[in-house]
């Protein structure tokens, strides 16, 4: 209920208020909701591990460095994703190997958490690519109202930003 009810209620609210056009239409809203749910399911174990590590580090008294993520679009390089996520993937591989030695049929129980953790590196790189986001937007996936109809203040700012700057004359 905690994970899916807010999504379902959000979609229901948009449909009941007849605001689906702001999200690219009913079909686009439902496709996007399904895609976002699948991505969230794949990212949930990764977040779980990251949050658990954060809590363990905080409890041990080690120095925590909390940085706000950059707000501009930037792809995550493979090297960075490998450096950050390979240890977690290695633990899952070792755990899976140990389970396989004991009872290979038990690996099925590891899949819901283990598979997303194994896919964390390519998923991180893929979902960070600006081109993927641009392609999704072109196909009307994951749209928000500001993308289907930008607020007037943003349209005016873009208009002013696109106009050439006129040189100012110095007063004598």
C-alpha atoms as a PDB file:
ATOM      1  CA  UNK A   1       0.000   0.000   0.000  1.00  0.00           C
ATOM      2  CA  UNK A   2       2.783   2.445   0.881  1.00  0.00           C
ATOM      3  CA  UNK A   3       4.471   1.985  -2.484  1.00  0.00           C
ATOM      4  CA  UNK A   4       1.605   1.624  -4.932  1.00  0.00           C
ATOM      5  CA  UNK A   5      -1.403   3.363  -3.390  1.00  0.00           C
ATOM      6  CA  UNK A   6       0.018   6.905  -3.798  1.00  0.00           C
ATOM      7  CA  UNK A   7       0.731   6.164  -7.485  1.00  0.00           C
ATOM      8  CA  UNK A   8      -2.750   4.771  -8.055  1.00  0.00           C
ATOM      9  CA  UNK A   9      -4.402   7.663  -6.210  1.00  0.00           C
ATOM     10  CA  UNK A  10      -2.309  10.183  -8.157  1.00  0.00           C
ATOM     11  CA  UNK A  11      -3.365   8.706 -11.492  1.00  0.00           C
ATOM     12  CA  UNK A  12      -6.975   8.531 -10.329  1.00  0.00           C
ATOM     13  CA  UNK A  13      -6.879  12.195  -9.239  1.00  0.00           C
ATOM     14  CA  UNK A  14      -5.508  13.282 -12.621  1.00  0.00           C
ATOM     15  CA  UNK A  15      -8.169  11.262 -14.470  1.00  0.00           C
ATOM     16  CA  UNK A  16     -11.041  12.374 -12.202  1.00  0.00           C
ATOM     17  CA  UNK A  17     -10.017  16.031 -12.583  1.00  0.00           C
ATOM     18  CA  UNK A  18      -9.716  15.528 -16.355  1.00  0.00           C
ATOM     19  CA  UNK A  19      -6.131  16.815 -16.359  1.00  0.00           C
ATOM     20  CA  UNK A  20      -4.615  13.969 -18.380  1.00  0.00           C
ATOM     21  CA  UNK A  21      -4.034  16.282 -21.377  1.00  0.00           C
ATOM     22  CA  UNK A  22      -1.358  18.036 -19.298  1.00  0.00           C
ATOM     23  CA  UNK A  23       0.502  14.700 -19.120  1.00  0.00           C
ATOM     24  CA  UNK A  24       0.305  13.953 -22.844  1.00  0.00           C
ATOM     25  CA  UNK A  25      -3.136  12.302 -22.768  1.00  0.00           C
ATOM     26  CA  UNK A  26      -4.632   9.281 -21.038  1.00  0.00           C
ATOM     27  CA  UNK A  27      -2.579   6.674 -22.913  1.00  0.00           C
ATOM     28  CA  UNK A  28       0.645   8.599 -22.288  1.00  0.00           C
ATOM     29  CA  UNK A  29      -0.180   9.031 -18.596  1.00  0.00           C
ATOM     30  CA  UNK A  30      -0.862   5.315 -18.122  1.00  0.00           C
ATOM     31  CA  UNK A  31       2.194   4.202 -20.139  1.00  0.00           C
ATOM     32  CA  UNK A  32       4.374   6.632 -18.196  1.00  0.00           C
ATOM     33  CA  UNK A  33       2.969   5.441 -14.869  1.00  0.00           C
ATOM     34  CA  UNK A  34       3.749   1.840 -15.802  1.00  0.00           C
ATOM     35  CA  UNK A  35       7.278   2.714 -16.945  1.00  0.00           C
ATOM     36  CA  UNK A  36       7.960   4.807 -13.839  1.00  0.00           C
ATOM     37  CA  UNK A  37       6.711   1.962 -11.630  1.00  0.00           C
ATOM     38  CA  UNK A  38       9.017  -0.543 -13.360  1.00  0.00           C
ATOM     39  CA  UNK A  39      12.003   1.788 -13.020  1.00  0.00           C
ATOM     40  CA  UNK A  40      11.147   2.440  -9.359  1.00  0.00           C
ATOM     41  CA  UNK A  41      10.932  -1.321  -8.711  1.00  0.00           C
ATOM     42  CA  UNK A  42      14.380  -1.795 -10.246  1.00  0.00           C
ATOM     43  CA  UNK A  43      15.844   1.127  -8.295  1.00  0.00           C
ATOM     44  CA  UNK A  44      14.280   0.233  -4.926  1.00  0.00           C
ATOM     45  CA  UNK A  45      16.911  -2.356  -3.891  1.00  0.00           C
ATOM     46  CA  UNK A  46      19.709   0.024  -4.917  1.00  0.00           C
ATOM     47  CA  UNK A  47      18.215   2.768  -2.772  1.00  0.00           C
ATOM     48  CA  UNK A  48      17.702   0.304   0.068  1.00  0.00           C
ATOM     49  CA  UNK A  49      21.394  -0.599   0.068  1.00  0.00           C
ATOM     50  CA  UNK A  50      22.461   3.066  -0.222  1.00  0.00           C
ATOM     51  CA  UNK A  51      20.197   4.132   2.668  1.00  0.00           C
ATOM     52  CA  UNK A  52      21.355   1.182   4.796  1.00  0.00           C
ATOM     53  CA  UNK A  53      24.997   2.117   4.203  1.00  0.00           C
ATOM     54  CA  UNK A  54      24.223   5.711   5.094  1.00  0.00           C
ATOM     55  CA  UNK A  55      22.656   4.622   8.404  1.00  0.00           C
ATOM     56  CA  UNK A  56      25.554   2.247   9.214  1.00  0.00           C
ATOM     57  CA  UNK A  57      28.124   4.964   8.490  1.00  0.00           C
ATOM     58  CA  UNK A  58      26.191   7.457  10.613  1.00  0.00           C
ATOM     59  CA  UNK A  59      25.968   4.998  13.512  1.00  0.00           C
ATOM     60  CA  UNK A  60      29.682   4.193  13.403  1.00  0.00           C
ATOM     61  CA  UNK A  61      30.629   7.840  13.736  1.00  0.00           C
ATOM     62  CA  UNK A  62      32.537   7.909  10.468  1.00  0.00           C
ATOM     63  CA  UNK A  63      32.587  11.214   8.639  1.00  0.00           C
ATOM     64  CA  UNK A  64      29.615  11.622   6.348  1.00  0.00           C
ATOM     65  CA  UNK A  65      29.857  13.822   3.314  1.00  0.00           C
ATOM     66  CA  UNK A  66      26.462  14.895   2.067  1.00  0.00           C
ATOM     67  CA  UNK A  67      26.529  16.644  -1.273  1.00  0.00           C
ATOM     68  CA  UNK A  68      23.536  18.015  -3.056  1.00  0.00           C
ATOM     69  CA  UNK A  69      23.315  16.407  -6.484  1.00  0.00           C
ATOM     70  CA  UNK A  70      23.944  18.641  -9.486  1.00  0.00           C
ATOM     71  CA  UNK A  71      20.759  20.089 -10.950  1.00  0.00           C
ATOM     72  CA  UNK A  72      21.926  20.253 -14.537  1.00  0.00           C
ATOM     73  CA  UNK A  73      21.566  17.237 -16.809  1.00  0.00           C
ATOM     74  CA  UNK A  74      24.767  15.198 -16.896  1.00  0.00           C
ATOM     75  CA  UNK A  75      25.303  11.583 -17.861  1.00  0.00           C
ATOM     76  CA  UNK A  76      27.002   9.274 -15.377  1.00  0.00           C
ATOM     77  CA  UNK A  77      30.183   7.852 -16.948  1.00  0.00           C
ATOM     78  CA  UNK A  78      30.708   4.073 -16.915  1.00  0.00           C
ATOM     79  CA  UNK A  79      33.872   4.464 -14.826  1.00  0.00           C
ATOM     80  CA  UNK A  80      32.029   6.378 -12.093  1.00  0.00           C
ATOM     81  CA  UNK A  81      29.126   3.908 -12.052  1.00  0.00           C
ATOM     82  CA  UNK A  82      31.573   0.995 -11.817  1.00  0.00           C
ATOM     83  CA  UNK A  83      33.526   2.608  -8.985  1.00  0.00           C
ATOM     84  CA  UNK A  84      30.391   3.326  -6.962  1.00  0.00           C
ATOM     85  CA  UNK A  85      28.306   0.223  -7.652  1.00  0.00           C
ATOM     86  CA  UNK A  86      30.719  -2.642  -8.401  1.00  0.00           C
ATOM     87  CA  UNK A  87      31.237  -3.527  -4.703  1.00  0.00           C
ATOM     88  CA  UNK A  88      27.492  -3.963  -4.244  1.00  0.00           C
ATOM     89  CA  UNK A  89      27.283  -6.090  -7.409  1.00  0.00           C
ATOM     90  CA  UNK A  90      30.240  -8.203  -6.263  1.00  0.00           C
ATOM     91  CA  UNK A  91      28.512  -8.951  -2.943  1.00  0.00           C
ATOM     92  CA  UNK A  92      25.394 -10.105  -4.814  1.00  0.00           C
ATOM     93  CA  UNK A  93      27.469 -12.327  -7.129  1.00  0.00           C
ATOM     94  CA  UNK A  94      29.235 -13.885  -4.109  1.00  0.00           C
ATOM     95  CA  UNK A  95      25.931 -14.345  -2.299  1.00  0.00           C
ATOM     96  CA  UNK A  96      24.348 -15.931  -5.375  1.00  0.00           C
ATOM     97  CA  UNK A  97      27.331 -18.261  -5.796  1.00  0.00           C
ATOM     98  CA  UNK A  98      27.054 -19.329  -2.149  1.00  0.00           C
ATOM     99  CA  UNK A  99      23.325 -19.928  -2.444  1.00  0.00           C
ATOM    100  CA  UNK A 100      23.812 -21.856  -5.705  1.00  0.00           C
ATOM    101  CA  UNK A 101      26.269 -24.185  -3.967  1.00  0.00           C
ATOM    102  CA  UNK A 102      23.733 -24.940  -1.244  1.00  0.00           C
ATOM    103  CA  UNK A 103      20.498 -25.034  -3.273  1.00  0.00           C
ATOM    104  CA  UNK A 104      20.333 -23.535  -6.776  1.00  0.00           C
ATOM    105  CA  UNK A 105      16.531 -23.460  -6.707  1.00  0.00           C
ATOM    106  CA  UNK A 106      16.729 -20.931  -3.853  1.00  0.00           C
ATOM    107  CA  UNK A 107      18.213 -18.362  -6.271  1.00  0.00           C
ATOM    108  CA  UNK A 108      14.646 -17.538  -7.317  1.00  0.00           C
ATOM    109  CA  UNK A 109      14.187 -15.881  -3.915  1.00  0.00           C
ATOM    110  CA  UNK A 110      17.229 -13.684  -4.526  1.00  0.00           C
ATOM    111  CA  UNK A 111      15.970 -12.400  -7.900  1.00  0.00           C
ATOM    112  CA  UNK A 112      13.700  -9.534  -6.720  1.00  0.00           C
ATOM    113  CA  UNK A 113      16.587  -7.865  -4.891  1.00  0.00           C
ATOM    114  CA  UNK A 114      19.620  -9.414  -6.559  1.00  0.00           C
ATOM    115  CA  UNK A 115      18.759  -8.781 -10.206  1.00  0.00           C
ATOM    116  CA  UNK A 116      18.262  -5.009  -9.783  1.00  0.00           C
ATOM    117  CA  UNK A 117      21.526  -4.820  -7.843  1.00  0.00           C
ATOM    118  CA  UNK A 118      23.326  -6.697 -10.636  1.00  0.00           C
ATOM    119  CA  UNK A 119      21.780  -4.364 -13.213  1.00  0.00           C
ATOM    120  CA  UNK A 120      22.556  -1.240 -11.186  1.00  0.00           C
ATOM    121  CA  UNK A 121      25.620  -0.222 -13.215  1.00  0.00           C
ATOM    122  CA  UNK A 122      24.062  -0.293 -16.704  1.00  0.00           C
ATOM    123  CA  UNK A 123      20.785   1.061 -15.330  1.00  0.00           C
ATOM    124  CA  UNK A 124      22.543   4.028 -13.732  1.00  0.00           C
ATOM    125  CA  UNK A 125      24.417   4.859 -16.921  1.00  0.00           C
ATOM    126  CA  UNK A 126      21.382   4.371 -19.178  1.00  0.00           C
ATOM    127  CA  UNK A 127      18.905   6.355 -17.083  1.00  0.00           C
ATOM    128  CA  UNK A 128      21.361   9.251 -16.722  1.00  0.00           C
ATOM    129  CA  UNK A 129      21.759   9.821 -20.464  1.00  0.00           C
ATOM    130  CA  UNK A 130      20.223  13.084 -21.669  1.00  0.00           C
ATOM    131  CA  UNK A 131      19.478  11.498 -25.045  1.00  0.00           C
ATOM    132  CA  UNK A 132      17.345   8.819 -23.414  1.00  0.00           C
ATOM    133  CA  UNK A 133      15.327  11.505 -21.646  1.00  0.00           C
ATOM    134  CA  UNK A 134      14.950  13.477 -24.864  1.00  0.00           C
ATOM    135  CA  UNK A 135      13.786  10.378 -26.732  1.00  0.00           C
ATOM    136  CA  UNK A 136      11.309   9.542 -23.953  1.00  0.00           C
ATOM    137  CA  UNK A 137       9.951  13.077 -24.062  1.00  0.00           C
ATOM    138  CA  UNK A 138       9.561  12.867 -27.855  1.00  0.00           C
ATOM    139  CA  UNK A 139       7.476   9.703 -27.359  1.00  0.00           C
ATOM    140  CA  UNK A 140       5.322  11.440 -24.691  1.00  0.00           C
ATOM    141  CA  UNK A 141       6.721   9.371 -21.812  1.00  0.00           C
ATOM    142  CA  UNK A 142       7.065  10.743 -18.278  1.00  0.00           C
ATOM    143  CA  UNK A 143       5.748  14.194 -19.185  1.00  0.00           C
ATOM    144  CA  UNK A 144       4.789  16.762 -16.581  1.00  0.00           C
ATOM    145  CA  UNK A 145       2.411  19.683 -17.202  1.00  0.00           C
ATOM    146  CA  UNK A 146       5.295  22.161 -17.492  1.00  0.00           C
ATOM    147  CA  UNK A 147       6.599  20.157 -20.454  1.00  0.00           C
ATOM    148  CA  UNK A 148       3.321  19.960 -22.346  1.00  0.00           C
ATOM    149  CA  UNK A 149       2.500  23.623 -21.737  1.00  0.00           C
ATOM    150  CA  UNK A 150       5.280  25.694 -20.209  1.00  0.00           C
ATOM    151  CA  UNK A 151       4.260  28.413 -17.731  1.00  0.00           C
ATOM    152  CA  UNK A 152       4.012  31.892 -19.245  1.00  0.00           C
ATOM    153  CA  UNK A 153       6.889  33.203 -17.143  1.00  0.00           C
ATOM    154  CA  UNK A 154       9.225  30.537 -18.583  1.00  0.00           C
ATOM    155  CA  UNK A 155       8.073  31.220 -22.149  1.00  0.00           C
ATOM    156  CA  UNK A 156       8.828  34.930 -21.664  1.00  0.00           C
ATOM    157  CA  UNK A 157      12.243  34.156 -20.138  1.00  0.00           C
ATOM    158  CA  UNK A 158      13.130  31.896 -23.080  1.00  0.00           C
ATOM    159  CA  UNK A 159      11.994  34.607 -25.495  1.00  0.00           C
ATOM    160  CA  UNK A 160      14.225  37.194 -23.821  1.00  0.00           C
ATOM    161  CA  UNK A 161      17.135  34.750 -23.601  1.00  0.00           C
ATOM    162  CA  UNK A 162      16.926  33.993 -27.322  1.00  0.00           C
ATOM    163  CA  UNK A 163      17.023  37.657 -28.367  1.00  0.00           C
ATOM    164  CA  UNK A 164      20.444  39.129 -29.140  1.00  0.00           C
ATOM    165  CA  UNK A 165      21.893  41.427 -26.517  1.00  0.00           C
ATOM    166  CA  UNK A 166      21.950  45.054 -27.635  1.00  0.00           C
ATOM    167  CA  UNK A 167      25.088  46.970 -26.698  1.00  0.00           C
ATOM    168  CA  UNK A 168      24.487  49.828 -24.274  1.00  0.00           C
ATOM    169  CA  UNK A 169      25.736  53.289 -25.092  1.00  0.00           C
ATOM    170  CA  UNK A 170      27.815  54.952 -22.416  1.00  0.00           C
ATOM    171  CA  UNK A 171      26.497  58.248 -21.139  1.00  0.00           C
ATOM    172  CA  UNK A 172      28.897  61.129 -21.555  1.00  0.00           C
END
